[in-house]
Amino acid sequence: MTRLLRTDLIIVDDIGLLPVSPDAAENFYRLVDAAYERRALAVSSNLHPSGFDEIMPKTLATATVDRLLHHAHIVVTQGDSFRLAQATSGKGVKALN
């Protein structure tokens, strides 16, 4: 944790794809809390922040989202996945020889 907090920007990608263990949920909260108002933190997820209680206990989810959204810049994207679109159209896919 100390090493992570030495960086200027911490990126957590795809949080919420799978449920997390209680230890992982607590560690994610601890990371968010430690970075809160001290470091830049970027989090990507397919979940709306109100759905974080689906992947972690409600009390941790509430505290985590509270810190994530305070002073946040939220970017909401829409549309189909570029990777899925490329895969289903045959673009970007190379046959194994």
PDB file of N, CA and C in Angstrom:
ATOM      1  N   MET A   1       0.830  -1.190   0.000  1.00  0.00           N
ATOM      2  CA  MET A   1       0.000   0.000   0.000  1.00  0.00           C
ATOM      3  C   MET A   1       0.875   1.255   0.000  1.00  0.00           C
ATOM      4  N   THR A   2       1.905   1.247   0.796  1.00  0.00           N
ATOM      5  CA  THR A   2       2.801   2.404   0.874  1.00  0.00           C
ATOM      6  C   THR A   2       3.417   2.703  -0.484  1.00  0.00           C
ATOM      7  N   ARG A   3       3.818   1.660  -1.180  1.00  0.00           N
ATOM      8  CA  ARG A   3       4.425   1.830  -2.508  1.00  0.00           C
ATOM      9  C   ARG A   3       3.422   2.416  -3.503  1.00  0.00           C
ATOM     10  N   LEU A   4       2.194   1.925  -3.467  1.00  0.00           N
ATOM     11  CA  LEU A   4       1.163   2.455  -4.358  1.00  0.00           C
ATOM     12  C   LEU A   4       0.923   3.936  -4.105  1.00  0.00           C
ATOM     13  N   LEU A   5       0.910   4.309  -2.846  1.00  0.00           N
ATOM     14  CA  LEU A   5       0.585   5.689  -2.494  1.00  0.00           C
ATOM     15  C   LEU A   5       1.708   6.674  -2.784  1.00  0.00           C
ATOM     16  N   ARG A   6       2.853   6.171  -3.220  1.00  0.00           N
ATOM     17  CA  ARG A   6       3.937   7.067  -3.641  1.00  0.00           C
ATOM     18  C   ARG A   6       3.717   7.584  -5.058  1.00  0.00           C
ATOM     19  N   THR A   7       2.839   6.935  -5.799  1.00  0.00           N
ATOM     20  CA  THR A   7       2.591   7.343  -7.182  1.00  0.00           C
ATOM     21  C   THR A   7       1.626   8.528  -7.220  1.00  0.00           C
ATOM     22  N   ASP A   8       1.678   9.283  -8.315  1.00  0.00           N
ATOM     23  CA  ASP A   8       0.778  10.424  -8.464  1.00  0.00           C
ATOM     24  C   ASP A   8      -0.618  10.007  -8.900  1.00  0.00           C
ATOM     25  N   LEU A   9      -0.697   8.892  -9.633  1.00  0.00           N
ATOM     26  CA  LEU A   9      -1.976   8.415 -10.160  1.00  0.00           C
ATOM     27  C   LEU A   9      -2.093   6.921  -9.929  1.00  0.00           C
ATOM     28  N   ILE A  10      -3.215   6.514  -9.368  1.00  0.00           N
ATOM     29  CA  ILE A  10      -3.514   5.097  -9.155  1.00  0.00           C
ATOM     30  C   ILE A  10      -4.726   4.769 -10.017  1.00  0.00           C
ATOM     31  N   ILE A  11      -4.615   3.725 -10.822  1.00  0.00           N
ATOM     32  CA  ILE A  11      -5.717   3.324 -11.701  1.00  0.00           C
ATOM     33  C   ILE A  11      -6.194   1.939 -11.301  1.00  0.00           C
ATOM     34  N   VAL A  12      -7.490   1.822 -11.051  1.00  0.00           N
ATOM     35  CA  VAL A  12      -8.120   0.533 -10.769  1.00  0.00           C
ATOM     36  C   VAL A  12      -9.070   0.280 -11.935  1.00  0.00           C
ATOM     37  N   ASP A  13      -8.775  -0.730 -12.725  1.00  0.00           N
ATOM     38  CA  ASP A  13      -9.518  -1.001 -13.954  1.00  0.00           C
ATOM     39  C   ASP A  13     -10.491  -2.149 -13.765  1.00  0.00           C
ATOM     40  N   ASP A  14     -11.714  -1.956 -14.245  1.00  0.00           N
ATOM     41  CA  ASP A  14     -12.747  -3.002 -14.287  1.00  0.00           C
ATOM     42  C   ASP A  14     -13.171  -3.524 -12.917  1.00  0.00           C
ATOM     43  N   ILE A  15     -13.292  -2.650 -11.930  1.00  0.00           N
ATOM     44  CA  ILE A  15     -13.794  -3.099 -10.637  1.00  0.00           C
ATOM     45  C   ILE A  15     -15.262  -3.490 -10.815  1.00  0.00           C
ATOM     46  N   GLY A  16     -15.632  -4.596 -10.241  1.00  0.00           N
ATOM     47  CA  GLY A  16     -17.024  -5.013 -10.302  1.00  0.00           C
ATOM     48  C   GLY A  16     -17.353  -6.066 -11.332  1.00  0.00           C
ATOM     49  N   LEU A  17     -16.353  -6.508 -12.075  1.00  0.00           N
ATOM     50  CA  LEU A  17     -16.642  -7.583 -13.029  1.00  0.00           C
ATOM     51  C   LEU A  17     -17.028  -8.862 -12.293  1.00  0.00           C
ATOM     52  N   LEU A  18     -16.405  -9.083 -11.160  1.00  0.00           N
ATOM     53  CA  LEU A  18     -16.681 -10.261 -10.338  1.00  0.00           C
ATOM     54  C   LEU A  18     -16.840  -9.832  -8.892  1.00  0.00           C
ATOM     55  N   PRO A  19     -17.599 -10.589  -8.116  1.00  0.00           N
ATOM     56  CA  PRO A  19     -17.642 -10.288  -6.680  1.00  0.00           C
ATOM     57  C   PRO A  19     -16.237 -10.428  -6.096  1.00  0.00           C
ATOM     58  N   VAL A  20     -15.965  -9.661  -5.067  1.00  0.00           N
ATOM     59  CA  VAL A  20     -14.652  -9.708  -4.447  1.00  0.00           C
ATOM     60  C   VAL A  20     -14.755 -10.346  -3.069  1.00  0.00           C
ATOM     61  N   SER A  21     -13.664 -10.921  -2.619  1.00  0.00           N
ATOM     62  CA  SER A  21     -13.630 -11.525  -1.288  1.00  0.00           C
ATOM     63  C   SER A  21     -13.731 -10.417  -0.243  1.00  0.00           C
ATOM     64  N   PRO A  22     -14.128 -10.765   0.978  1.00  0.00           N
ATOM     65  CA  PRO A  22     -14.171  -9.743   2.032  1.00  0.00           C
ATOM     66  C   PRO A  22     -12.828  -9.034   2.222  1.00  0.00           C
ATOM     67  N   ASP A  23     -11.729  -9.774   2.136  1.00  0.00           N
ATOM     68  CA  ASP A  23     -10.403  -9.155   2.273  1.00  0.00           C
ATOM     69  C   ASP A  23     -10.123  -8.176   1.138  1.00  0.00           C
ATOM     70  N   ALA A  24     -10.478  -8.560  -0.092  1.00  0.00           N
ATOM     71  CA  ALA A  24     -10.249  -7.682  -1.242  1.00  0.00           C
ATOM     72  C   ALA A  24     -11.120  -6.431  -1.141  1.00  0.00           C
ATOM     73  N   ALA A  25     -12.354  -6.585  -0.684  1.00  0.00           N
ATOM     74  CA  ALA A  25     -13.239  -5.428  -0.512  1.00  0.00           C
ATOM     75  C   ALA A  25     -12.666  -4.465   0.516  1.00  0.00           C
ATOM     76  N   GLU A  26     -12.184  -5.014   1.615  1.00  0.00           N
ATOM     77  CA  GLU A  26     -11.589  -4.174   2.654  1.00  0.00           C
ATOM     78  C   GLU A  26     -10.329  -3.483   2.137  1.00  0.00           C
ATOM     79  N   ASN A  27      -9.512  -4.202   1.378  1.00  0.00           N
ATOM     80  CA  ASN A  27      -8.291  -3.611   0.830  1.00  0.00           C
ATOM     81  C   ASN A  27      -8.598  -2.511  -0.188  1.00  0.00           C
ATOM     82  N   PHE A  28      -9.632  -2.719  -0.994  1.00  0.00           N
ATOM     83  CA  PHE A  28     -10.026  -1.677  -1.949  1.00  0.00           C
ATOM     84  C   PHE A  28     -10.474  -0.428  -1.189  1.00  0.00           C
ATOM     85  N   TYR A  29     -11.284  -0.621  -0.156  1.00  0.00           N
ATOM     86  CA  TYR A  29     -11.691   0.527   0.666  1.00  0.00           C
ATOM     87  C   TYR A  29     -10.463   1.221   1.262  1.00  0.00           C
ATOM     88  N   ARG A  30      -9.539   0.444   1.804  1.00  0.00           N
ATOM     89  CA  ARG A  30      -8.336   1.035   2.418  1.00  0.00           C
ATOM     90  C   ARG A  30      -7.516   1.837   1.403  1.00  0.00           C
ATOM     91  N   LEU A  31      -7.432   1.323   0.171  1.00  0.00           N
ATOM     92  CA  LEU A  31      -6.729   2.053  -0.887  1.00  0.00           C
ATOM     93  C   LEU A  31      -7.429   3.372  -1.181  1.00  0.00           C
ATOM     94  N   VAL A  32      -8.743   3.310  -1.371  1.00  0.00           N
ATOM     95  CA  VAL A  32      -9.510   4.523  -1.666  1.00  0.00           C
ATOM     96  C   VAL A  32      -9.394   5.517  -0.514  1.00  0.00           C
ATOM     97  N   ASP A  33      -9.508   5.028   0.709  1.00  0.00           N
ATOM     98  CA  ASP A  33      -9.417   5.901   1.868  1.00  0.00           C
ATOM     99  C   ASP A  33      -8.029   6.539   1.985  1.00  0.00           C
ATOM    100  N   ALA A  34      -6.990   5.757   1.757  1.00  0.00           N
ATOM    101  CA  ALA A  34      -5.626   6.272   1.867  1.00  0.00           C
ATOM    102  C   ALA A  34      -5.326   7.298   0.773  1.00  0.00           C
ATOM    103  N   ALA A  35      -5.889   7.093  -0.409  1.00  0.00           N
ATOM    104  CA  ALA A  35      -5.652   8.012  -1.521  1.00  0.00           C
ATOM    105  C   ALA A  35      -6.557   9.247  -1.459  1.00  0.00           C
ATOM    106  N   TYR A  36      -7.645   9.156  -0.712  1.00  0.00           N
ATOM    107  CA  TYR A  36      -8.646  10.215  -0.648  1.00  0.00           C
ATOM    108  C   TYR A  36      -8.009  11.571  -0.317  1.00  0.00           C
ATOM    109  N   GLU A  37      -8.196  12.506  -1.233  1.00  0.00           N
ATOM    110  CA  GLU A  37      -7.703  13.879  -1.135  1.00  0.00           C
ATOM    111  C   GLU A  37      -6.170  13.982  -1.062  1.00  0.00           C
ATOM    112  N   ARG A  38      -5.466  12.883  -1.388  1.00  0.00           N
ATOM    113  CA  ARG A  38      -3.997  12.907  -1.380  1.00  0.00           C
ATOM    114  C   ARG A  38      -3.400  12.530  -2.735  1.00  0.00           C
ATOM    115  N   ARG A  39      -4.074  11.645  -3.448  1.00  0.00           N
ATOM    116  CA  ARG A  39      -3.577  11.137  -4.724  1.00  0.00           C
ATOM    117  C   ARG A  39      -4.715  11.111  -5.741  1.00  0.00           C
ATOM    118  N   ALA A  40      -4.327  11.162  -7.017  1.00  0.00           N
ATOM    119  CA  ALA A  40      -5.313  11.005  -8.081  1.00  0.00           C
ATOM    120  C   ALA A  40      -5.646   9.521  -8.198  1.00  0.00           C
ATOM    121  N   LEU A  41      -6.931   9.225  -8.253  1.00  0.00           N
ATOM    122  CA  LEU A  41      -7.389   7.842  -8.318  1.00  0.00           C
ATOM    123  C   LEU A  41      -8.417   7.732  -9.433  1.00  0.00           C
ATOM    124  N   ALA A  42      -8.147   6.861 -10.393  1.00  0.00           N
ATOM    125  CA  ALA A  42      -9.075   6.616 -11.492  1.00  0.00           C
ATOM    126  C   ALA A  42      -9.603   5.195 -11.349  1.00  0.00           C
ATOM    127  N   VAL A  43     -10.921   5.055 -11.417  1.00  0.00           N
ATOM    128  CA  VAL A  43     -11.558   3.744 -11.278  1.00  0.00           C
ATOM    129  C   VAL A  43     -12.487   3.557 -12.464  1.00  0.00           C
ATOM    130  N   SER A  44     -12.337   2.423 -13.148  1.00  0.00           N
ATOM    131  CA  SER A  44     -13.278   2.105 -14.224  1.00  0.00           C
ATOM    132  C   SER A  44     -14.119   0.916 -13.799  1.00  0.00           C
ATOM    133  N   SER A  45     -15.378   0.951 -14.213  1.00  0.00           N
ATOM    134  CA  SER A  45     -16.304  -0.119 -13.842  1.00  0.00           C
ATOM    135  C   SER A  45     -17.488  -0.115 -14.783  1.00  0.00           C
ATOM    136  N   ASN A  46     -18.053  -1.291 -15.002  1.00  0.00           N
ATOM    137  CA  ASN A  46     -19.314  -1.376 -15.725  1.00  0.00           C
ATOM    138  C   ASN A  46     -20.488  -1.150 -14.776  1.00  0.00           C
ATOM    139  N   LEU A  47     -20.206  -1.126 -13.482  1.00  0.00           N
ATOM    140  CA  LEU A  47     -21.230  -0.893 -12.469  1.00  0.00           C
ATOM    141  C   LEU A  47     -21.384   0.590 -12.182  1.00  0.00           C
ATOM    142  N   HIS A  48     -22.611   1.012 -11.997  1.00  0.00           N
ATOM    143  CA  HIS A  48     -22.863   2.346 -11.458  1.00  0.00           C
ATOM    144  C   HIS A  48     -22.414   2.328 -10.005  1.00  0.00           C
ATOM    145  N   PRO A  49     -21.887   3.414  -9.484  1.00  0.00           N
ATOM    146  CA  PRO A  49     -21.434   3.400  -8.080  1.00  0.00           C
ATOM    147  C   PRO A  49     -22.498   2.917  -7.090  1.00  0.00           C
ATOM    148  N   SER A  50     -23.765   3.133  -7.394  1.00  0.00           N
ATOM    149  CA  SER A  50     -24.814   2.665  -6.487  1.00  0.00           C
ATOM    150  C   SER A  50     -24.893   1.143  -6.448  1.00  0.00           C
ATOM    151  N   GLY A  51     -24.244   0.471  -7.390  1.00  0.00           N
ATOM    152  CA  GLY A  51     -24.249  -0.987  -7.433  1.00  0.00           C
ATOM    153  C   GLY A  51     -23.040  -1.631  -6.779  1.00  0.00           C
ATOM    154  N   PHE A  52     -22.165  -0.839  -6.178  1.00  0.00           N
ATOM    155  CA  PHE A  52     -20.974  -1.420  -5.554  1.00  0.00           C
ATOM    156  C   PHE A  52     -21.326  -2.358  -4.402  1.00  0.00           C
ATOM    157  N   ASP A  53     -22.516  -2.195  -3.823  1.00  0.00           N
ATOM    158  CA  ASP A  53     -22.904  -3.114  -2.743  1.00  0.00           C
ATOM    159  C   ASP A  53     -23.234  -4.509  -3.270  1.00  0.00           C
ATOM    160  N   GLU A  54     -23.204  -4.687  -4.582  1.00  0.00           N
ATOM    161  CA  GLU A  54     -23.369  -6.024  -5.166  1.00  0.00           C
ATOM    162  C   GLU A  54     -22.061  -6.813  -5.124  1.00  0.00           C
ATOM    163  N   ILE A  55     -20.942  -6.112  -5.013  1.00  0.00           N
ATOM    164  CA  ILE A  55     -19.641  -6.786  -5.036  1.00  0.00           C
ATOM    165  C   ILE A  55     -18.915  -6.719  -3.702  1.00  0.00           C
ATOM    166  N   MET A  56     -19.436  -5.920  -2.773  1.00  0.00           N
ATOM    167  CA  MET A  56     -18.794  -5.786  -1.468  1.00  0.00           C
ATOM    168  C   MET A  56     -19.871  -5.490  -0.423  1.00  0.00           C
ATOM    169  N   PRO A  57     -19.578  -5.715   0.840  1.00  0.00           N
ATOM    170  CA  PRO A  57     -20.565  -5.424   1.882  1.00  0.00           C
ATOM    171  C   PRO A  57     -21.039  -3.966   1.811  1.00  0.00           C
ATOM    172  N   LYS A  58     -22.309  -3.769   2.106  1.00  0.00           N
ATOM    173  CA  LYS A  58     -22.936  -2.451   1.957  1.00  0.00           C
ATOM    174  C   LYS A  58     -22.197  -1.346   2.715  1.00  0.00           C
ATOM    175  N   THR A  59     -21.755  -1.615   3.926  1.00  0.00           N
ATOM    176  CA  THR A  59     -21.072  -0.570   4.696  1.00  0.00           C
ATOM    177  C   THR A  59     -19.768  -0.145   4.027  1.00  0.00           C
ATOM    178  N   LEU A  60     -19.004  -1.118   3.523  1.00  0.00           N
ATOM    179  CA  LEU A  60     -17.764  -0.790   2.812  1.00  0.00           C
ATOM    180  C   LEU A  60     -18.061  -0.090   1.487  1.00  0.00           C
ATOM    181  N   ALA A  61     -19.097  -0.555   0.795  1.00  0.00           N
ATOM    182  CA  ALA A  61     -19.462   0.058  -0.483  1.00  0.00           C
ATOM    183  C   ALA A  61     -19.860   1.514  -0.282  1.00  0.00           C
ATOM    184  N   THR A  62     -20.649   1.785   0.736  1.00  0.00           N
ATOM    185  CA  THR A  62     -21.087   3.156   1.007  1.00  0.00           C
ATOM    186  C   THR A  62     -19.899   4.057   1.322  1.00  0.00           C
ATOM    187  N   ALA A  63     -19.011   3.598   2.186  1.00  0.00           N
ATOM    188  CA  ALA A  63     -17.838   4.399   2.557  1.00  0.00           C
ATOM    189  C   ALA A  63     -16.903   4.595   1.363  1.00  0.00           C
ATOM    190  N   THR A  64     -16.731   3.558   0.558  1.00  0.00           N
ATOM    191  CA  THR A  64     -15.856   3.639  -0.611  1.00  0.00           C
ATOM    192  C   THR A  64     -16.403   4.634  -1.627  1.00  0.00           C
ATOM    193  N   VAL A  65     -17.676   4.489  -1.962  1.00  0.00           N
ATOM    194  CA  VAL A  65     -18.299   5.365  -2.958  1.00  0.00           C
ATOM    195  C   VAL A  65     -18.325   6.810  -2.459  1.00  0.00           C
ATOM    196  N   ASP A  66     -18.566   6.994  -1.168  1.00  0.00           N
ATOM    197  CA  ASP A  66     -18.552   8.342  -0.587  1.00  0.00           C
ATOM    198  C   ASP A  66     -17.220   9.035  -0.866  1.00  0.00           C
ATOM    199  N   ARG A  67     -16.132   8.342  -0.653  1.00  0.00           N
ATOM    200  CA  ARG A  67     -14.801   8.919  -0.876  1.00  0.00           C
ATOM    201  C   ARG A  67     -14.476   9.044  -2.364  1.00  0.00           C
ATOM    202  N   LEU A  68     -14.906   8.059  -3.150  1.00  0.00           N
ATOM    203  CA  LEU A  68     -14.642   8.120  -4.590  1.00  0.00           C
ATOM    204  C   LEU A  68     -15.347   9.299  -5.256  1.00  0.00           C
ATOM    205  N   LEU A  69     -16.566   9.574  -4.862  1.00  0.00           N
ATOM    206  CA  LEU A  69     -17.356  10.586  -5.561  1.00  0.00           C
ATOM    207  C   LEU A  69     -17.155  12.004  -5.045  1.00  0.00           C
ATOM    208  N   HIS A  70     -16.606  12.155  -3.846  1.00  0.00           N
ATOM    209  CA  HIS A  70     -16.360  13.493  -3.321  1.00  0.00           C
ATOM    210  C   HIS A  70     -15.223  14.131  -4.121  1.00  0.00           C
ATOM    211  N   HIS A  71     -15.461  15.277  -4.706  1.00  0.00           N
ATOM    212  CA  HIS A  71     -14.510  15.991  -5.564  1.00  0.00           C
ATOM    213  C   HIS A  71     -14.214  15.234  -6.871  1.00  0.00           C
ATOM    214  N   ALA A  72     -15.066  14.311  -7.265  1.00  0.00           N
ATOM    215  CA  ALA A  72     -14.782  13.470  -8.438  1.00  0.00           C
ATOM    216  C   ALA A  72     -15.148  14.153  -9.754  1.00  0.00           C
ATOM    217  N   HIS A  73     -14.471  13.715 -10.792  1.00  0.00           N
ATOM    218  CA  HIS A  73     -14.853  14.015 -12.166  1.00  0.00           C
ATOM    219  C   HIS A  73     -15.347  12.691 -12.727  1.00  0.00           C
ATOM    220  N   ILE A  74     -16.610  12.620 -13.057  1.00  0.00           N
ATOM    221  CA  ILE A  74     -17.210  11.369 -13.508  1.00  0.00           C
ATOM    222  C   ILE A  74     -17.362  11.402 -15.026  1.00  0.00           C
ATOM    223  N   VAL A  75     -16.882  10.353 -15.667  1.00  0.00           N
ATOM    224  CA  VAL A  75     -17.006  10.217 -17.107  1.00  0.00           C
ATOM    225  C   VAL A  75     -17.879   8.994 -17.369  1.00  0.00           C
ATOM    226  N   VAL A  76     -19.021   9.219 -17.988  1.00  0.00           N
ATOM    227  CA  VAL A  76     -19.934   8.128 -18.308  1.00  0.00           C
ATOM    228  C   VAL A  76     -19.859   7.892 -19.810  1.00  0.00           C
ATOM    229  N   THR A  77     -19.565   6.673 -20.177  1.00  0.00           N
ATOM    230  CA  THR A  77     -19.498   6.335 -21.595  1.00  0.00           C
ATOM    231  C   THR A  77     -20.684   5.441 -21.947  1.00  0.00           C
ATOM    232  N   GLN A  78     -21.050   5.480 -23.200  1.00  0.00           N
ATOM    233  CA  GLN A  78     -22.153   4.659 -23.678  1.00  0.00           C
ATOM    234  C   GLN A  78     -21.753   4.012 -24.986  1.00  0.00           C
ATOM    235  N   GLY A  79     -22.507   3.019 -25.357  1.00  0.00           N
ATOM    236  CA  GLY A  79     -22.257   2.389 -26.639  1.00  0.00           C
ATOM    237  C   GLY A  79     -21.699   0.986 -26.483  1.00  0.00           C
ATOM    238  N   ASP A  80     -21.521   0.356 -27.622  1.00  0.00           N
ATOM    239  CA  ASP A  80     -21.030  -1.010 -27.641  1.00  0.00           C
ATOM    240  C   ASP A  80     -19.534  -1.048 -27.360  1.00  0.00           C
ATOM    241  N   SER A  81     -19.096  -2.161 -26.881  1.00  0.00           N
ATOM    242  CA  SER A  81     -17.687  -2.394 -26.627  1.00  0.00           C
ATOM    243  C   SER A  81     -16.926  -2.415 -27.953  1.00  0.00           C
ATOM    244  N   PHE A  82     -15.829  -1.664 -28.022  1.00  0.00           N
ATOM    245  CA  PHE A  82     -15.003  -1.679 -29.230  1.00  0.00           C
ATOM    246  C   PHE A  82     -14.421  -3.072 -29.463  1.00  0.00           C
ATOM    247  N   ARG A  83     -13.990  -3.730 -28.396  1.00  0.00           N
ATOM    248  CA  ARG A  83     -13.420  -5.075 -28.549  1.00  0.00           C
ATOM    249  C   ARG A  83     -14.452  -6.055 -29.081  1.00  0.00           C
ATOM    250  N   LEU A  84     -15.665  -6.004 -28.551  1.00  0.00           N
ATOM    251  CA  LEU A  84     -16.709  -6.908 -29.020  1.00  0.00           C
ATOM    252  C   LEU A  84     -17.077  -6.607 -30.469  1.00  0.00           C
ATOM    253  N   ALA A  85     -17.188  -5.322 -30.809  1.00  0.00           N
ATOM    254  CA  ALA A  85     -17.518  -4.941 -32.182  1.00  0.00           C
ATOM    255  C   ALA A  85     -16.451  -5.432 -33.162  1.00  0.00           C
ATOM    256  N   GLN A  86     -15.172  -5.285 -32.788  1.00  0.00           N
ATOM    257  CA  GLN A  86     -14.098  -5.754 -33.660  1.00  0.00           C
ATOM    258  C   GLN A  86     -14.126  -7.275 -33.789  1.00  0.00           C
ATOM    259  N   ALA A  87     -14.339  -7.947 -32.700  1.00  0.00           N
ATOM    260  CA  ALA A  87     -14.332  -9.419 -32.730  1.00  0.00           C
ATOM    261  C   ALA A  87     -15.479  -9.953 -33.571  1.00  0.00           C
ATOM    262  N   THR A  88     -16.660  -9.381 -33.431  1.00  0.00           N
ATOM    263  CA  THR A  88     -17.813  -9.898 -34.177  1.00  0.00           C
ATOM    264  C   THR A  88     -17.791  -9.487 -35.645  1.00  0.00           C
ATOM    265  N   SER A  89     -17.048  -8.434 -35.994  1.00  0.00           N
ATOM    266  CA  SER A  89     -16.953  -8.020 -37.391  1.00  0.00           C
ATOM    267  C   SER A  89     -15.743  -8.647 -38.084  1.00  0.00           C
ATOM    268  N   GLY A  90     -14.889  -9.337 -37.343  1.00  0.00           N
ATOM    269  CA  GLY A  90     -13.702  -9.946 -37.917  1.00  0.00           C
ATOM    270  C   GLY A  90     -12.512  -9.028 -37.997  1.00  0.00           C
ATOM    271  N   LYS A  91     -12.676  -7.775 -37.585  1.00  0.00           N
ATOM    272  CA  LYS A  91     -11.560  -6.818 -37.598  1.00  0.00           C
ATOM    273  C   LYS A  91     -10.729  -7.027 -36.343  1.00  0.00           C
ATOM    274  N   GLY A  92      -9.447  -6.917 -36.502  1.00  0.00           N
ATOM    275  CA  GLY A  92      -8.568  -7.035 -35.364  1.00  0.00           C
ATOM    276  C   GLY A  92      -8.325  -8.468 -34.916  1.00  0.00           C
ATOM    277  N   VAL A  93      -8.910  -9.408 -35.633  1.00  0.00           N
ATOM    278  CA  VAL A  93      -8.740 -10.812 -35.272  1.00  0.00           C
ATOM    279  C   VAL A  93      -7.785 -11.441 -36.265  1.00  0.00           C
ATOM    280  N   LYS A  94      -6.738 -12.081 -35.758  1.00  0.00           N
ATOM    281  CA  LYS A  94      -5.780 -12.727 -36.638  1.00  0.00           C
ATOM    282  C   LYS A  94      -5.816 -14.230 -36.394  1.00  0.00           C
ATOM    283  N   ALA A  95      -5.877 -14.973 -37.465  1.00  0.00           N
ATOM    284  CA  ALA A  95      -5.898 -16.430 -37.360  1.00  0.00           C
ATOM    285  C   ALA A  95      -4.546 -16.938 -36.859  1.00  0.00           C
ATOM    286  N   LEU A  96      -4.587 -17.956 -36.044  1.00  0.00           N
ATOM    287  CA  LEU A  96      -3.347 -18.596 -35.592  1.00  0.00           C
ATOM    288  C   LEU A  96      -2.887 -19.561 -36.670  1.00  0.00           C
ATOM    289  N   ASN A  97      -1.648 -19.491 -37.060  1.00  0.00           N
ATOM    290  CA  ASN A  97      -1.128 -20.384 -38.089  1.00  0.00           C
ATOM    291  C   ASN A  97      -0.193 -21.396 -37.484  1.00  0.00           C
TER     292      ASN A  97
END
